[in-house]
Every structure is written in C-alpha cells, then in structure tokens.
Amino acid sequence: MTLTAAVAEAVDALREEVSTLHAELPRYELVAWTSGNVSGRVPGEDLLVIKPSGVSYADLAPEKMVVCDLDGTVIPGLPGSNFGASSDTAAHAYVYRHMEDIGGVVHTHSRYATAWAAVGQPVPCHTTGQADEFGGEIPIGPFAIIGDDSIGRGIVATLDGHRSRAVLMQNHGVFTIGKSATDAVKTAVLCEDVCRTMHLARQLGETIPISQEHIDALFDRYQNVYGQPKEKN
C-alpha cells in the first residue's frame, strides 16, 4: 500500500506515540510479560497502529508497530508488516469502526481491574475521583472469546451511551477508550487506581455511595472546568 506523504507522516507520528505509550503499561504495573496492548487510530484515515503480538515491552520500537486497516488486516509493505499484529486487533478494529470519535484503545490484565472482572462485578462510584473520571460505575462487559471481534462487540454494546471510558470484560481484563491513544492509557491507569482503592476500602467495611446529583456535578466540573483554560482560536 502506498501512502501519501501526509498520511505517511501521520502514521510515523502515531507509531512513535503508540510505541512510547507502551512503556507506561509496565511502569504503572498494568501488564505482565507481553500481555496488554495500546492502539491508536490514524486521524482521518481508516487505519490503526497497534503493538505486535508477543513482543517484549523492552524490545518495542516505532518501526515494530503494526499498521492495520479497520477490519484488522495488516497493511503489507510498511515497516512492522513482518510482525503479527496483537491478538486483540479485531477487538480494537471493531471499536474504531463503531465509535467514530474514539482515537485510542488500551487493553490490560491489570491486577485489581481483572479481579473485579473475574467476579463479574461493576465498580460502584463511591469516590470523587471515580466520579470525576468515569461519571459513575465502571461497568462489566460480557464474556467473549479472544481472536475475533466478539470482544469488540461487547465493548461497544457496554459503553454505548455510558459515561465510563473503561469496561471490565468478564473473566478477562479491562479495555479503555479515549480521544487519543494517550487519553486511553491515562484512563487505564486511573481505572486500575479506582479498582485498587475500592478493593482496599471494602476490606475496611461497607463503602459509602455518592448521590447521583453529586456524581453529575463532579463529572461536569472535571470534564469541563478542571485544568488549564483551553486556548481560544
């Protein structure tokens, strides 16, 4: 496949971003060995960049990132096309095809999030940090077999119309989505933090719910007011 100069430049930039972001997963102890993956959608194109399957995090580099179309097919003739794409590529591709505003997807088996997934329990919104980032509970998605787009279908069905950008796929692990690959990695880090905090809190006793009114207010403030003012065009 021949890319225009502008698309090739966008792909190269995304390779760099996705490769660099993979270092954040072991840094925050979200993965073990070669498990987990980050992908990003090439802006304005029906292409994604994703981690190669089974390659050590220490051995990852931009030129090893795999470029696929939104059916999950590896694009031949590009750097990284000699590697097999992540086993979760079909799930990522399904998300991109059905959630057009999503620019990044992350999957991990982080300990606490996966523990909640193993017992099939959504994480109730009993901390202000969870209200800020997720706008309510972190939901449970259905059990699905790895390898085809079954996981992707479960992700989309669970998160469609939901404030949460994270879903705990039953018996499997966590998938997060974001405006970009960087945004999705941030959500994965915060999801694990919420799952760990709620697990520890339950060891101390019954956790205290936050009213929906307060959850709504916290979410609105964090999403629309928190941080530095947006630059005006």
C-alpha atoms as a PDB file:
ATOM      1  CA  MET A   1       0.000   0.000   0.000  1.00  0.00           C
ATOM      2  CA  THR A   2       1.339   3.418  -0.962  1.00  0.00           C
ATOM      3  CA  LEU A   3       0.584   6.239   1.460  1.00  0.00           C
ATOM      4  CA  THR A   4       0.513   9.904   0.572  1.00  0.00           C
ATOM      5  CA  ALA A   5       3.237  11.995   2.191  1.00  0.00           C
ATOM      6  CA  ALA A   6       0.741  13.489   4.651  1.00  0.00           C
ATOM      7  CA  VAL A   7      -0.676  10.095   5.682  1.00  0.00           C
ATOM      8  CA  ALA A   8       2.816   8.578   5.970  1.00  0.00           C
ATOM      9  CA  GLU A   9       3.803  11.448   8.270  1.00  0.00           C
ATOM     10  CA  ALA A  10       0.688  10.880  10.406  1.00  0.00           C
ATOM     11  CA  VAL A  11       1.416   7.142  10.600  1.00  0.00           C
ATOM     12  CA  ASP A  12       5.023   7.765  11.650  1.00  0.00           C
ATOM     13  CA  ALA A  13       3.909  10.187  14.378  1.00  0.00           C
ATOM     14  CA  LEU A  14       1.373   7.672  15.664  1.00  0.00           C
ATOM     15  CA  ARG A  15       3.957   4.854  15.603  1.00  0.00           C
ATOM     16  CA  GLU A  16       6.160   6.994  17.844  1.00  0.00           C
ATOM     17  CA  GLU A  17       3.293   7.818  20.205  1.00  0.00           C
ATOM     18  CA  VAL A  18       1.988   4.252  20.473  1.00  0.00           C
ATOM     19  CA  SER A  19       5.464   2.785  20.938  1.00  0.00           C
ATOM     20  CA  THR A  20       6.298   5.288  23.679  1.00  0.00           C
ATOM     21  CA  LEU A  21       2.972   4.742  25.427  1.00  0.00           C
ATOM     22  CA  HIS A  22       3.602   1.024  25.792  1.00  0.00           C
ATOM     23  CA  ALA A  23       6.335   1.867  28.306  1.00  0.00           C
ATOM     24  CA  GLU A  24       3.636   3.345  30.566  1.00  0.00           C
ATOM     25  CA  LEU A  25       1.919  -0.028  30.994  1.00  0.00           C
ATOM     26  CA  PRO A  26       4.766  -1.805  32.859  1.00  0.00           C
ATOM     27  CA  ARG A  27       5.669   1.488  34.561  1.00  0.00           C
ATOM     28  CA  TYR A  28       2.255   1.561  36.229  1.00  0.00           C
ATOM     29  CA  GLU A  29       2.263  -2.243  36.721  1.00  0.00           C
ATOM     30  CA  LEU A  30      -0.693  -2.787  34.408  1.00  0.00           C
ATOM     31  CA  VAL A  31       0.811  -5.724  32.485  1.00  0.00           C
ATOM     32  CA  ALA A  32       2.898  -8.868  32.930  1.00  0.00           C
ATOM     33  CA  TRP A  33       5.335 -10.309  30.392  1.00  0.00           C
ATOM     34  CA  THR A  34       3.998  -9.462  26.900  1.00  0.00           C
ATOM     35  CA  SER A  35       0.304  -9.117  27.750  1.00  0.00           C
ATOM     36  CA  GLY A  36      -1.618  -5.933  27.028  1.00  0.00           C
ATOM     37  CA  ASN A  37      -1.635  -3.540  24.099  1.00  0.00           C
ATOM     38  CA  VAL A  38      -2.179   0.049  23.018  1.00  0.00           C
ATOM     39  CA  SER A  39      -3.550   1.158  19.667  1.00  0.00           C
ATOM     40  CA  GLY A  40      -4.285   4.469  18.004  1.00  0.00           C
ATOM     41  CA  ARG A  41      -6.419   5.482  15.037  1.00  0.00           C
ATOM     42  CA  VAL A  42      -4.637   7.407  12.274  1.00  0.00           C
ATOM     43  CA  PRO A  43      -6.519  10.746  12.184  1.00  0.00           C
ATOM     44  CA  GLY A  44      -8.864  10.982   9.218  1.00  0.00           C
ATOM     45  CA  GLU A  45      -7.906   7.547   7.872  1.00  0.00           C
ATOM     46  CA  ASP A  46      -9.305   4.013   8.135  1.00  0.00           C
ATOM     47  CA  LEU A  47      -6.039   2.841   9.665  1.00  0.00           C
ATOM     48  CA  LEU A  48      -4.832   1.918  13.132  1.00  0.00           C
ATOM     49  CA  VAL A  49      -1.409   1.354  14.688  1.00  0.00           C
ATOM     50  CA  ILE A  50      -1.048  -1.399  17.286  1.00  0.00           C
ATOM     51  CA  LYS A  51       1.534  -3.426  19.190  1.00  0.00           C
ATOM     52  CA  PRO A  52       2.920  -6.591  17.581  1.00  0.00           C
ATOM     53  CA  SER A  53       1.875  -9.840  19.220  1.00  0.00           C
ATOM     54  CA  GLY A  54       4.137 -11.489  21.787  1.00  0.00           C
ATOM     55  CA  VAL A  55       6.995  -8.981  21.616  1.00  0.00           C
ATOM     56  CA  SER A  56       8.675  -7.961  24.874  1.00  0.00           C
ATOM     57  CA  TYR A  57       7.983  -4.421  26.036  1.00  0.00           C
ATOM     58  CA  ALA A  58      11.728  -3.843  26.245  1.00  0.00           C
ATOM     59  CA  ASP A  59      12.065  -4.719  22.551  1.00  0.00           C
ATOM     60  CA  LEU A  60       9.309  -2.473  21.230  1.00  0.00           C
ATOM     61  CA  ALA A  61      10.192   0.386  18.881  1.00  0.00           C
ATOM     62  CA  PRO A  62       8.240   2.638  16.494  1.00  0.00           C
ATOM     63  CA  GLU A  63       9.267   0.628  13.429  1.00  0.00           C
ATOM     64  CA  LYS A  64       7.846  -2.556  15.035  1.00  0.00           C
ATOM     65  CA  MET A  65       4.361  -1.100  15.460  1.00  0.00           C
ATOM     66  CA  VAL A  66       1.912  -2.753  13.060  1.00  0.00           C
ATOM     67  CA  VAL A  67      -0.385  -0.759  10.759  1.00  0.00           C
ATOM     68  CA  CYS A  68      -3.788  -2.317  10.039  1.00  0.00           C
ATOM     69  CA  ASP A  69      -6.978  -1.295   8.314  1.00  0.00           C
ATOM     70  CA  LEU A  70     -10.192  -1.039  10.327  1.00  0.00           C
ATOM     71  CA  ASP A  71     -11.007  -4.669   9.546  1.00  0.00           C
ATOM     72  CA  GLY A  72      -7.848  -5.622  11.424  1.00  0.00           C
ATOM     73  CA  THR A  73      -5.883  -6.650   8.323  1.00  0.00           C
ATOM     74  CA  VAL A  74      -2.156  -5.864   8.382  1.00  0.00           C
ATOM     75  CA  ILE A  75      -1.167  -3.407   5.636  1.00  0.00           C
ATOM     76  CA  PRO A  76       1.659  -5.060   3.640  1.00  0.00           C
ATOM     77  CA  GLY A  77       4.810  -3.286   2.596  1.00  0.00           C
ATOM     78  CA  LEU A  78       5.022  -0.953   5.589  1.00  0.00           C
ATOM     79  CA  PRO A  79       7.506  -1.101   8.464  1.00  0.00           C
ATOM     80  CA  GLY A  80       6.237  -3.624  11.021  1.00  0.00           C
ATOM     81  CA  SER A  81       4.216  -5.619   8.471  1.00  0.00           C
ATOM     82  CA  ASN A  82       6.516  -8.606   9.013  1.00  0.00           C
ATOM     83  CA  PHE A  83       5.180  -8.846  12.580  1.00  0.00           C
ATOM     84  CA  GLY A  84       1.858 -10.362  13.503  1.00  0.00           C
ATOM     85  CA  ALA A  85      -0.500  -7.810  14.994  1.00  0.00           C
ATOM     86  CA  SER A  86      -1.780  -8.140  18.562  1.00  0.00           C
ATOM     87  CA  SER A  87      -4.268 -10.961  19.155  1.00  0.00           C
ATOM     88  CA  ASP A  88      -6.718  -8.254  20.254  1.00  0.00           C
ATOM     89  CA  THR A  89      -6.549  -6.357  16.945  1.00  0.00           C
ATOM     90  CA  ALA A  90     -10.029  -7.468  15.844  1.00  0.00           C
ATOM     91  CA  ALA A  91     -11.497  -6.064  19.065  1.00  0.00           C
ATOM     92  CA  HIS A  92      -9.690  -2.738  18.649  1.00  0.00           C
ATOM     93  CA  ALA A  93     -10.726  -2.504  14.991  1.00  0.00           C
ATOM     94  CA  TYR A  94     -14.387  -3.169  15.845  1.00  0.00           C
ATOM     95  CA  VAL A  95     -14.331  -0.338  18.379  1.00  0.00           C
ATOM     96  CA  TYR A  96     -12.897   2.094  15.827  1.00  0.00           C
ATOM     97  CA  ARG A  97     -15.454   1.086  13.200  1.00  0.00           C
ATOM     98  CA  HIS A  98     -18.397   1.611  15.553  1.00  0.00           C
ATOM     99  CA  MET A  99     -17.213   4.513  17.740  1.00  0.00           C
ATOM    100  CA  GLU A 100     -16.048   7.161  15.310  1.00  0.00           C
ATOM    101  CA  ASP A 101     -15.000   9.665  18.000  1.00  0.00           C
ATOM    102  CA  ILE A 102     -12.555   7.201  19.565  1.00  0.00           C
ATOM    103  CA  GLY A 103      -8.873   7.647  18.739  1.00  0.00           C
ATOM    104  CA  GLY A 104      -7.242   5.194  21.150  1.00  0.00           C
ATOM    105  CA  VAL A 105      -7.882   1.782  22.738  1.00  0.00           C
ATOM    106  CA  VAL A 106      -5.939   0.064  25.526  1.00  0.00           C
ATOM    107  CA  HIS A 107      -6.213  -3.457  26.919  1.00  0.00           C
ATOM    108  CA  THR A 108      -4.566  -4.759  30.079  1.00  0.00           C
ATOM    109  CA  HIS A 109      -4.939  -7.513  32.642  1.00  0.00           C
ATOM    110  CA  SER A 110      -4.072  -5.167  35.499  1.00  0.00           C
ATOM    111  CA  ARG A 111      -4.479  -6.961  38.813  1.00  0.00           C
ATOM    112  CA  TYR A 112      -7.284  -5.145  40.560  1.00  0.00           C
ATOM    113  CA  ALA A 113      -9.398  -4.407  37.491  1.00  0.00           C
ATOM    114  CA  THR A 114      -9.084  -8.046  36.401  1.00  0.00           C
ATOM    115  CA  ALA A 115     -10.053  -9.222  39.891  1.00  0.00           C
ATOM    116  CA  TRP A 116     -13.312  -7.249  39.609  1.00  0.00           C
ATOM    117  CA  ALA A 117     -13.799  -8.734  36.126  1.00  0.00           C
ATOM    118  CA  ALA A 118     -13.228 -12.256  37.478  1.00  0.00           C
ATOM    119  CA  VAL A 119     -16.089 -11.898  39.954  1.00  0.00           C
ATOM    120  CA  GLY A 120     -18.256 -10.138  37.373  1.00  0.00           C
ATOM    121  CA  GLN A 121     -18.908  -7.055  39.474  1.00  0.00           C
ATOM    122  CA  PRO A 122     -19.081  -3.466  38.229  1.00  0.00           C
ATOM    123  CA  VAL A 123     -17.146  -0.982  40.349  1.00  0.00           C
ATOM    124  CA  PRO A 124     -19.643   1.263  42.183  1.00  0.00           C
ATOM    125  CA  CYS A 125     -18.966   5.003  42.225  1.00  0.00           C
ATOM    126  CA  HIS A 126     -18.085   5.628  45.867  1.00  0.00           C
ATOM    127  CA  THR A 127     -15.114   8.004  45.431  1.00  0.00           C
ATOM    128  CA  THR A 128     -14.951  11.505  43.983  1.00  0.00           C
ATOM    129  CA  GLY A 129     -12.011  10.523  41.764  1.00  0.00           C
ATOM    130  CA  GLN A 130     -14.134   7.868  40.086  1.00  0.00           C
ATOM    131  CA  ALA A 131     -16.990  10.339  39.640  1.00  0.00           C
ATOM    132  CA  ASP A 132     -14.554  12.809  38.061  1.00  0.00           C
ATOM    133  CA  GLU A 133     -13.065  10.442  35.524  1.00  0.00           C
ATOM    134  CA  PHE A 134     -15.781   7.846  34.887  1.00  0.00           C
ATOM    135  CA  GLY A 135     -19.009   9.665  35.748  1.00  0.00           C
ATOM    136  CA  GLY A 136     -20.407   6.675  37.625  1.00  0.00           C
ATOM    137  CA  GLU A 137     -19.767   2.962  37.905  1.00  0.00           C
ATOM    138  CA  ILE A 138     -17.196   1.134  35.803  1.00  0.00           C
ATOM    139  CA  PRO A 139     -19.354  -1.475  34.051  1.00  0.00           C
ATOM    140  CA  ILE A 140     -18.927  -5.172  33.404  1.00  0.00           C
ATOM    141  CA  GLY A 141     -18.955  -6.389  29.814  1.00  0.00           C
ATOM    142  CA  PRO A 142     -19.900  -9.888  28.651  1.00  0.00           C
ATOM    143  CA  PHE A 143     -17.605 -12.889  28.486  1.00  0.00           C
ATOM    144  CA  ALA A 144     -16.159 -13.198  24.987  1.00  0.00           C
ATOM    145  CA  ILE A 145     -13.575 -15.407  23.299  1.00  0.00           C
ATOM    146  CA  ILE A 146     -10.293 -13.848  22.135  1.00  0.00           C
ATOM    147  CA  GLY A 147      -9.416 -13.819  18.443  1.00  0.00           C
ATOM    148  CA  ASP A 148     -12.402 -12.388  16.581  1.00  0.00           C
ATOM    149  CA  ASP A 149     -14.490  -9.262  17.074  1.00  0.00           C
ATOM    150  CA  SER A 150     -16.638 -10.744  19.887  1.00  0.00           C
ATOM    151  CA  ILE A 151     -14.766  -8.705  22.490  1.00  0.00           C
ATOM    152  CA  GLY A 152     -15.149  -5.566  20.391  1.00  0.00           C
ATOM    153  CA  ARG A 153     -18.890  -6.141  20.141  1.00  0.00           C
ATOM    154  CA  GLY A 154     -19.080  -6.489  23.919  1.00  0.00           C
ATOM    155  CA  ILE A 155     -17.065  -3.318  24.484  1.00  0.00           C
ATOM    156  CA  VAL A 156     -19.226  -1.236  22.161  1.00  0.00           C
ATOM    157  CA  ALA A 157     -22.515  -2.643  23.455  1.00  0.00           C
ATOM    158  CA  THR A 158     -21.496  -1.969  27.072  1.00  0.00           C
ATOM    159  CA  LEU A 159     -20.050   1.512  26.619  1.00  0.00           C
ATOM    160  CA  ASP A 160     -22.574   2.836  24.093  1.00  0.00           C
ATOM    161  CA  GLY A 161     -24.278   5.751  25.855  1.00  0.00           C
ATOM    162  CA  HIS A 162     -22.233   5.139  29.034  1.00  0.00           C
ATOM    163  CA  ARG A 163     -20.050   7.824  30.627  1.00  0.00           C
ATOM    164  CA  SER A 164     -17.342   5.338  31.564  1.00  0.00           C
ATOM    165  CA  ARG A 165     -14.401   5.048  29.181  1.00  0.00           C
ATOM    166  CA  ALA A 166     -13.448   1.725  30.773  1.00  0.00           C
ATOM    167  CA  VAL A 167     -15.145  -1.659  30.697  1.00  0.00           C
ATOM    168  CA  LEU A 168     -14.235  -4.749  32.707  1.00  0.00           C
ATOM    169  CA  MET A 169     -14.727  -7.680  30.348  1.00  0.00           C
ATOM    170  CA  GLN A 170     -15.945 -10.629  32.413  1.00  0.00           C
ATOM    171  CA  ASN A 171     -13.233 -13.180  33.269  1.00  0.00           C
ATOM    172  CA  HIS A 172     -10.750 -11.309  31.082  1.00  0.00           C
ATOM    173  CA  GLY A 173      -9.498  -7.814  31.895  1.00  0.00           C
ATOM    174  CA  VAL A 174     -10.013  -4.143  31.206  1.00  0.00           C
ATOM    175  CA  PHE A 175     -10.407  -2.244  27.938  1.00  0.00           C
ATOM    176  CA  THR A 176     -10.295   1.544  27.885  1.00  0.00           C
ATOM    177  CA  ILE A 177     -11.051   4.044  25.137  1.00  0.00           C
ATOM    178  CA  GLY A 178     -10.120   7.675  24.634  1.00  0.00           C
ATOM    179  CA  LYS A 179      -9.925  10.619  22.275  1.00  0.00           C
ATOM    180  CA  SER A 180      -6.354   9.508  21.563  1.00  0.00           C
ATOM    181  CA  ALA A 181      -4.026   6.661  22.456  1.00  0.00           C
ATOM    182  CA  THR A 182      -2.565   8.838  25.231  1.00  0.00           C
ATOM    183  CA  ASP A 183      -6.043   9.525  26.603  1.00  0.00           C
ATOM    184  CA  ALA A 184      -6.882   5.817  26.623  1.00  0.00           C
ATOM    185  CA  VAL A 185      -3.658   4.988  28.522  1.00  0.00           C
ATOM    186  CA  LYS A 186      -4.498   7.643  31.117  1.00  0.00           C
ATOM    187  CA  THR A 187      -7.919   6.013  31.560  1.00  0.00           C
ATOM    188  CA  ALA A 188      -6.317   2.578  32.003  1.00  0.00           C
ATOM    189  CA  VAL A 189      -4.019   3.930  34.739  1.00  0.00           C
ATOM    190  CA  LEU A 190      -6.911   5.626  36.555  1.00  0.00           C
ATOM    191  CA  CYS A 191      -9.179   2.595  36.170  1.00  0.00           C
ATOM    192  CA  GLU A 192      -6.657   0.393  37.953  1.00  0.00           C
ATOM    193  CA  ASP A 193      -6.261   3.024  40.672  1.00  0.00           C
ATOM    194  CA  VAL A 194     -10.039   3.118  41.237  1.00  0.00           C
ATOM    195  CA  CYS A 195     -10.312  -0.680  41.288  1.00  0.00           C
ATOM    196  CA  ARG A 196      -7.465  -0.951  43.805  1.00  0.00           C
ATOM    197  CA  THR A 197      -8.888   1.769  46.057  1.00  0.00           C
ATOM    198  CA  MET A 198     -12.369   0.257  46.085  1.00  0.00           C
ATOM    199  CA  HIS A 199     -10.978  -3.198  46.837  1.00  0.00           C
ATOM    200  CA  LEU A 200      -8.992  -1.847  49.790  1.00  0.00           C
ATOM    201  CA  ALA A 201     -11.948   0.176  51.042  1.00  0.00           C
ATOM    202  CA  ARG A 202     -14.134  -2.919  51.109  1.00  0.00           C
ATOM    203  CA  GLN A 203     -11.628  -4.628  53.392  1.00  0.00           C
ATOM    204  CA  LEU A 204     -12.300  -1.861  55.915  1.00  0.00           C
ATOM    205  CA  GLY A 205     -16.078  -2.028  55.763  1.00  0.00           C
ATOM    206  CA  GLU A 206     -19.089  -1.039  53.716  1.00  0.00           C
ATOM    207  CA  THR A 207     -18.319   1.738  51.263  1.00  0.00           C
ATOM    208  CA  ILE A 208     -20.466   4.878  51.139  1.00  0.00           C
ATOM    209  CA  PRO A 209     -22.310   5.706  47.892  1.00  0.00           C
ATOM    210  CA  ILE A 210     -22.223   9.185  46.351  1.00  0.00           C
ATOM    211  CA  SER A 211     -25.574  10.609  45.265  1.00  0.00           C
ATOM    212  CA  GLN A 212     -26.246  10.822  41.533  1.00  0.00           C
ATOM    213  CA  GLU A 213     -26.603  14.593  41.861  1.00  0.00           C
ATOM    214  CA  HIS A 214     -23.101  14.893  43.266  1.00  0.00           C
ATOM    215  CA  ILE A 215     -21.664  12.417  40.748  1.00  0.00           C
ATOM    216  CA  ASP A 216     -23.122  14.532  37.935  1.00  0.00           C
ATOM    217  CA  ALA A 217     -21.670  17.737  39.382  1.00  0.00           C
ATOM    218  CA  LEU A 218     -18.235  16.212  39.938  1.00  0.00           C
ATOM    219  CA  PHE A 219     -18.128  14.762  36.423  1.00  0.00           C
ATOM    220  CA  ASP A 220     -19.173  18.038  34.826  1.00  0.00           C
ATOM    221  CA  ARG A 221     -16.569  20.025  36.754  1.00  0.00           C
ATOM    222  CA  TYR A 222     -13.733  17.639  35.982  1.00  0.00           C
ATOM    223  CA  GLN A 223     -14.596  17.225  32.309  1.00  0.00           C
ATOM    224  CA  ASN A 224     -15.355  20.882  31.568  1.00  0.00           C
ATOM    225  CA  VAL A 225     -13.605  23.099  34.138  1.00  0.00           C
ATOM    226  CA  TYR A 226     -10.628  21.245  35.652  1.00  0.00           C
ATOM    227  CA  GLY A 227      -7.145  22.007  34.298  1.00  0.00           C
ATOM    228  CA  GLN A 228      -5.771  24.899  32.330  1.00  0.00           C
ATOM    229  CA  PRO A 229      -8.105  27.075  30.237  1.00  0.00           C
ATOM    230  CA  LYS A 230      -8.485  25.901  26.665  1.00  0.00           C
ATOM    231  CA  GLU A 231      -6.853  28.151  24.100  1.00  0.00           C
ATOM    232  CA  LYS A 232      -9.331  30.095  22.024  1.00  0.00           C
ATOM    233  CA  ASN A 233      -8.942  30.001  18.262  1.00  0.00           C
END
